[in-house]
């Protein structure tokens, strides 16, 4: 049987443990973020979606990463301040990690390697790539960074039973 995202514990931007096991029963979007990217305005759609669908069992988890053209240079505190001040982000934001390369975080190894997720191999190609996981923590879709978070394909996935 394939493993689930629910096995992981990581740290949020304030340094507190965040147990992904708490996502059981929720559909989740995991997205790698950056504050100085051309796609950074996607935070606005992400926050709007979170506010709209949180009550229906949908959650977004942001993972800041400085892997693409140094577009996330800030500290966790600076990232938290930026997200709140510019986009009013209230969905959970994790501590900055690597989403590619030798220092790739175990959560992203799970998301990108079929041998770990049981579904598919993928590669994080840029900031704001979205991974959609079902209520059991199983990977279902990978959404291109340039695809808006509120694309009909994503909304249909969130609202389907």
C-alpha atoms as a PDB file:
ATOM      1  CA  UNK A   1       0.000   0.000   0.000  1.00  0.00           C
ATOM      2  CA  UNK A   2       1.249   3.478  -0.766  1.00  0.00           C
ATOM      3  CA  UNK A   3       2.068   5.813   2.038  1.00  0.00           C
ATOM      4  CA  UNK A   4       0.102   8.956   2.777  1.00  0.00           C
ATOM      5  CA  UNK A   5       1.018  12.583   3.375  1.00  0.00           C
ATOM      6  CA  UNK A   6      -0.476  12.094   6.846  1.00  0.00           C
ATOM      7  CA  UNK A   7       2.732  10.399   8.079  1.00  0.00           C
ATOM      8  CA  UNK A   8       4.699  13.677   8.149  1.00  0.00           C
ATOM      9  CA  UNK A   9       5.298  16.262  10.838  1.00  0.00           C
ATOM     10  CA  UNK A  10       6.970  19.534   9.872  1.00  0.00           C
ATOM     11  CA  UNK A  11       7.319  23.034  11.329  1.00  0.00           C
ATOM     12  CA  UNK A  12       5.157  26.040  10.562  1.00  0.00           C
ATOM     13  CA  UNK A  13       6.516  29.560  10.071  1.00  0.00           C
ATOM     14  CA  UNK A  14       6.444  30.196  13.820  1.00  0.00           C
ATOM     15  CA  UNK A  15       8.519  27.050  14.470  1.00  0.00           C
ATOM     16  CA  UNK A  16       5.660  25.001  15.942  1.00  0.00           C
ATOM     17  CA  UNK A  17       5.157  21.372  14.951  1.00  0.00           C
ATOM     18  CA  UNK A  18       2.524  20.856  12.262  1.00  0.00           C
ATOM     19  CA  UNK A  19       1.248  17.275  12.057  1.00  0.00           C
ATOM     20  CA  UNK A  20      -0.023  16.494   8.567  1.00  0.00           C
ATOM     21  CA  UNK A  21      -1.986  13.685  10.214  1.00  0.00           C
ATOM     22  CA  UNK A  22      -4.373  16.488  11.215  1.00  0.00           C
ATOM     23  CA  UNK A  23      -5.388  16.651   7.538  1.00  0.00           C
ATOM     24  CA  UNK A  24      -7.138  13.260   7.651  1.00  0.00           C
ATOM     25  CA  UNK A  25     -10.616  13.644   6.200  1.00  0.00           C
ATOM     26  CA  UNK A  26      -9.735  16.859   4.328  1.00  0.00           C
ATOM     27  CA  UNK A  27      -8.809  17.499   0.733  1.00  0.00           C
ATOM     28  CA  UNK A  28      -5.480  19.303   0.686  1.00  0.00           C
ATOM     29  CA  UNK A  29      -3.550  21.485  -1.725  1.00  0.00           C
ATOM     30  CA  UNK A  30       0.169  21.661  -1.053  1.00  0.00           C
ATOM     31  CA  UNK A  31       1.881  24.539  -2.830  1.00  0.00           C
ATOM     32  CA  UNK A  32       5.477  25.774  -2.840  1.00  0.00           C
ATOM     33  CA  UNK A  33       5.474  29.544  -2.527  1.00  0.00           C
ATOM     34  CA  UNK A  34       7.791  32.519  -3.021  1.00  0.00           C
ATOM     35  CA  UNK A  35       7.429  36.206  -2.170  1.00  0.00           C
ATOM     36  CA  UNK A  36       9.322  37.665  -5.135  1.00  0.00           C
ATOM     37  CA  UNK A  37       7.975  35.626  -8.047  1.00  0.00           C
ATOM     38  CA  UNK A  38       5.840  36.720 -10.971  1.00  0.00           C
ATOM     39  CA  UNK A  39       3.306  34.171  -9.709  1.00  0.00           C
ATOM     40  CA  UNK A  40       3.260  35.560  -6.145  1.00  0.00           C
ATOM     41  CA  UNK A  41      -0.177  37.209  -6.735  1.00  0.00           C
ATOM     42  CA  UNK A  42      -1.569  33.639  -6.688  1.00  0.00           C
ATOM     43  CA  UNK A  43      -1.579  34.085  -2.902  1.00  0.00           C
ATOM     44  CA  UNK A  44      -4.736  36.174  -3.451  1.00  0.00           C
ATOM     45  CA  UNK A  45      -6.605  33.317  -5.179  1.00  0.00           C
ATOM     46  CA  UNK A  46      -5.221  30.761  -2.712  1.00  0.00           C
ATOM     47  CA  UNK A  47      -6.506  32.783   0.250  1.00  0.00           C
ATOM     48  CA  UNK A  48      -9.919  33.327  -1.393  1.00  0.00           C
ATOM     49  CA  UNK A  49     -10.238  29.594  -2.100  1.00  0.00           C
ATOM     50  CA  UNK A  50      -9.232  28.713   1.437  1.00  0.00           C
ATOM     51  CA  UNK A  51     -11.878  31.059   2.846  1.00  0.00           C
ATOM     52  CA  UNK A  52     -14.520  29.691   0.459  1.00  0.00           C
ATOM     53  CA  UNK A  53     -13.877  25.956   0.857  1.00  0.00           C
ATOM     54  CA  UNK A  54     -12.320  25.544   4.326  1.00  0.00           C
ATOM     55  CA  UNK A  55     -15.747  24.821   5.831  1.00  0.00           C
ATOM     56  CA  UNK A  56     -16.189  22.034   3.242  1.00  0.00           C
ATOM     57  CA  UNK A  57     -13.075  20.196   4.421  1.00  0.00           C
ATOM     58  CA  UNK A  58     -10.464  21.780   2.142  1.00  0.00           C
ATOM     59  CA  UNK A  59      -7.086  23.040   3.336  1.00  0.00           C
ATOM     60  CA  UNK A  60      -4.105  24.694   1.695  1.00  0.00           C
ATOM     61  CA  UNK A  61      -0.595  24.203   3.049  1.00  0.00           C
ATOM     62  CA  UNK A  62       2.092  26.595   1.806  1.00  0.00           C
ATOM     63  CA  UNK A  63       5.762  25.656   1.729  1.00  0.00           C
ATOM     64  CA  UNK A  64       8.019  28.653   1.029  1.00  0.00           C
ATOM     65  CA  UNK A  65      11.089  27.647  -0.978  1.00  0.00           C
ATOM     66  CA  UNK A  66      14.055  29.596  -2.321  1.00  0.00           C
ATOM     67  CA  UNK A  67      14.850  27.086  -5.085  1.00  0.00           C
ATOM     68  CA  UNK A  68      13.973  29.132  -8.166  1.00  0.00           C
ATOM     69  CA  UNK A  69      16.047  32.234  -8.940  1.00  0.00           C
ATOM     70  CA  UNK A  70      16.312  33.106  -5.219  1.00  0.00           C
ATOM     71  CA  UNK A  71      12.710  34.353  -5.201  1.00  0.00           C
ATOM     72  CA  UNK A  72      12.151  33.547  -1.522  1.00  0.00           C
ATOM     73  CA  UNK A  73      15.188  35.045   0.243  1.00  0.00           C
ATOM     74  CA  UNK A  74      13.402  35.972   3.479  1.00  0.00           C
ATOM     75  CA  UNK A  75      13.469  34.384   6.911  1.00  0.00           C
ATOM     76  CA  UNK A  76      10.385  32.564   8.213  1.00  0.00           C
ATOM     77  CA  UNK A  77       9.419  35.714  10.142  1.00  0.00           C
ATOM     78  CA  UNK A  78       9.803  37.919   7.053  1.00  0.00           C
ATOM     79  CA  UNK A  79       7.764  35.449   4.976  1.00  0.00           C
ATOM     80  CA  UNK A  80       4.983  35.410   7.598  1.00  0.00           C
ATOM     81  CA  UNK A  81       4.907  39.211   7.712  1.00  0.00           C
ATOM     82  CA  UNK A  82       4.852  39.437   3.894  1.00  0.00           C
ATOM     83  CA  UNK A  83       2.010  36.929   3.509  1.00  0.00           C
ATOM     84  CA  UNK A  84      -0.119  38.593   6.163  1.00  0.00           C
ATOM     85  CA  UNK A  85       0.546  42.193   5.123  1.00  0.00           C
ATOM     86  CA  UNK A  86       0.156  41.713   1.367  1.00  0.00           C
ATOM     87  CA  UNK A  87      -2.385  38.905   1.029  1.00  0.00           C
ATOM     88  CA  UNK A  88      -3.990  38.374   4.455  1.00  0.00           C
ATOM     89  CA  UNK A  89      -2.930  34.715   4.339  1.00  0.00           C
ATOM     90  CA  UNK A  90      -4.629  32.628   7.022  1.00  0.00           C
ATOM     91  CA  UNK A  91      -4.003  29.130   5.616  1.00  0.00           C
ATOM     92  CA  UNK A  92      -1.127  27.240   7.249  1.00  0.00           C
ATOM     93  CA  UNK A  93       2.325  28.279   6.054  1.00  0.00           C
ATOM     94  CA  UNK A  94       5.271  26.043   6.851  1.00  0.00           C
ATOM     95  CA  UNK A  95       8.902  26.828   7.522  1.00  0.00           C
ATOM     96  CA  UNK A  96      11.034  27.451   4.424  1.00  0.00           C
ATOM     97  CA  UNK A  97      12.297  24.232   2.807  1.00  0.00           C
ATOM     98  CA  UNK A  98      13.896  22.927  -0.386  1.00  0.00           C
ATOM     99  CA  UNK A  99      11.476  21.422  -2.912  1.00  0.00           C
ATOM    100  CA  UNK A 100      14.160  20.288  -5.390  1.00  0.00           C
ATOM    101  CA  UNK A 101      17.780  19.162  -5.247  1.00  0.00           C
ATOM    102  CA  UNK A 102      19.892  17.277  -2.753  1.00  0.00           C
ATOM    103  CA  UNK A 103      18.302  18.977   0.258  1.00  0.00           C
ATOM    104  CA  UNK A 104      14.731  18.249  -0.900  1.00  0.00           C
ATOM    105  CA  UNK A 105      12.392  18.009   2.089  1.00  0.00           C
ATOM    106  CA  UNK A 106      10.919  14.512   2.780  1.00  0.00           C
ATOM    107  CA  UNK A 107       7.398  15.819   2.101  1.00  0.00           C
ATOM    108  CA  UNK A 108       8.472  16.840  -1.399  1.00  0.00           C
ATOM    109  CA  UNK A 109      10.241  13.512  -1.914  1.00  0.00           C
ATOM    110  CA  UNK A 110       6.868  11.933  -1.148  1.00  0.00           C
ATOM    111  CA  UNK A 111       5.024  14.290  -3.504  1.00  0.00           C
ATOM    112  CA  UNK A 112       7.438  13.841  -6.433  1.00  0.00           C
ATOM    113  CA  UNK A 113       8.451  10.156  -6.265  1.00  0.00           C
ATOM    114  CA  UNK A 114       6.087   7.380  -7.327  1.00  0.00           C
ATOM    115  CA  UNK A 115       7.997   4.872  -5.184  1.00  0.00           C
ATOM    116  CA  UNK A 116       6.930   6.936  -2.147  1.00  0.00           C
ATOM    117  CA  UNK A 117       3.456   8.214  -3.124  1.00  0.00           C
ATOM    118  CA  UNK A 118       2.322   5.163  -5.102  1.00  0.00           C
ATOM    119  CA  UNK A 119       0.747   7.310  -7.828  1.00  0.00           C
ATOM    120  CA  UNK A 120       3.180   9.229 -10.026  1.00  0.00           C
ATOM    121  CA  UNK A 121       6.568  10.814 -10.457  1.00  0.00           C
ATOM    122  CA  UNK A 122       6.677  14.567 -10.953  1.00  0.00           C
ATOM    123  CA  UNK A 123       9.158  17.389 -10.801  1.00  0.00           C
ATOM    124  CA  UNK A 124       8.646  20.760  -9.154  1.00  0.00           C
ATOM    125  CA  UNK A 125       9.214  23.063 -12.110  1.00  0.00           C
ATOM    126  CA  UNK A 126       8.675  26.483 -10.489  1.00  0.00           C
ATOM    127  CA  UNK A 127       7.118  28.325  -7.568  1.00  0.00           C
ATOM    128  CA  UNK A 128       3.396  27.780  -6.976  1.00  0.00           C
ATOM    129  CA  UNK A 129       3.190  24.203  -8.254  1.00  0.00           C
ATOM    130  CA  UNK A 130       0.130  22.629  -6.659  1.00  0.00           C
ATOM    131  CA  UNK A 131      -0.283  19.086  -5.374  1.00  0.00           C
ATOM    132  CA  UNK A 132      -3.847  17.920  -4.699  1.00  0.00           C
ATOM    133  CA  UNK A 133      -4.328  15.170  -2.134  1.00  0.00           C
ATOM    134  CA  UNK A 134      -7.539  13.416  -1.197  1.00  0.00           C
ATOM    135  CA  UNK A 135      -9.032  12.873   2.257  1.00  0.00           C
ATOM    136  CA  UNK A 136      -6.810   9.825   2.811  1.00  0.00           C
ATOM    137  CA  UNK A 137      -3.675  11.844   2.033  1.00  0.00           C
ATOM    138  CA  UNK A 138      -3.153  10.179  -1.354  1.00  0.00           C
ATOM    139  CA  UNK A 139      -1.841  12.277  -4.247  1.00  0.00           C
ATOM    140  CA  UNK A 140      -4.462  12.760  -6.972  1.00  0.00           C
ATOM    141  CA  UNK A 141      -3.296  15.638  -9.204  1.00  0.00           C
ATOM    142  CA  UNK A 142      -0.348  17.889  -9.925  1.00  0.00           C
ATOM    143  CA  UNK A 143      -1.261  21.361 -11.173  1.00  0.00           C
ATOM    144  CA  UNK A 144       1.192  23.461 -13.180  1.00  0.00           C
ATOM    145  CA  UNK A 145       2.634  26.541 -11.441  1.00  0.00           C
ATOM    146  CA  UNK A 146       1.171  28.888 -14.054  1.00  0.00           C
ATOM    147  CA  UNK A 147      -2.334  27.428 -13.709  1.00  0.00           C
ATOM    148  CA  UNK A 148      -4.386  29.672 -11.449  1.00  0.00           C
ATOM    149  CA  UNK A 149      -5.273  28.056  -8.113  1.00  0.00           C
ATOM    150  CA  UNK A 150      -8.948  28.756  -8.836  1.00  0.00           C
ATOM    151  CA  UNK A 151      -8.870  27.108 -12.265  1.00  0.00           C
ATOM    152  CA  UNK A 152     -12.119  25.185 -12.963  1.00  0.00           C
ATOM    153  CA  UNK A 153     -10.213  21.873 -12.865  1.00  0.00           C
ATOM    154  CA  UNK A 154      -9.129  22.605  -9.289  1.00  0.00           C
ATOM    155  CA  UNK A 155     -12.532  23.893  -8.157  1.00  0.00           C
ATOM    156  CA  UNK A 156     -14.231  20.812  -9.684  1.00  0.00           C
ATOM    157  CA  UNK A 157     -11.782  18.597  -7.777  1.00  0.00           C
ATOM    158  CA  UNK A 158     -12.424  20.402  -4.473  1.00  0.00           C
ATOM    159  CA  UNK A 159     -16.209  20.279  -4.842  1.00  0.00           C
ATOM    160  CA  UNK A 160     -16.505  16.701  -6.150  1.00  0.00           C
ATOM    161  CA  UNK A 161     -17.529  14.093  -3.629  1.00  0.00           C
END
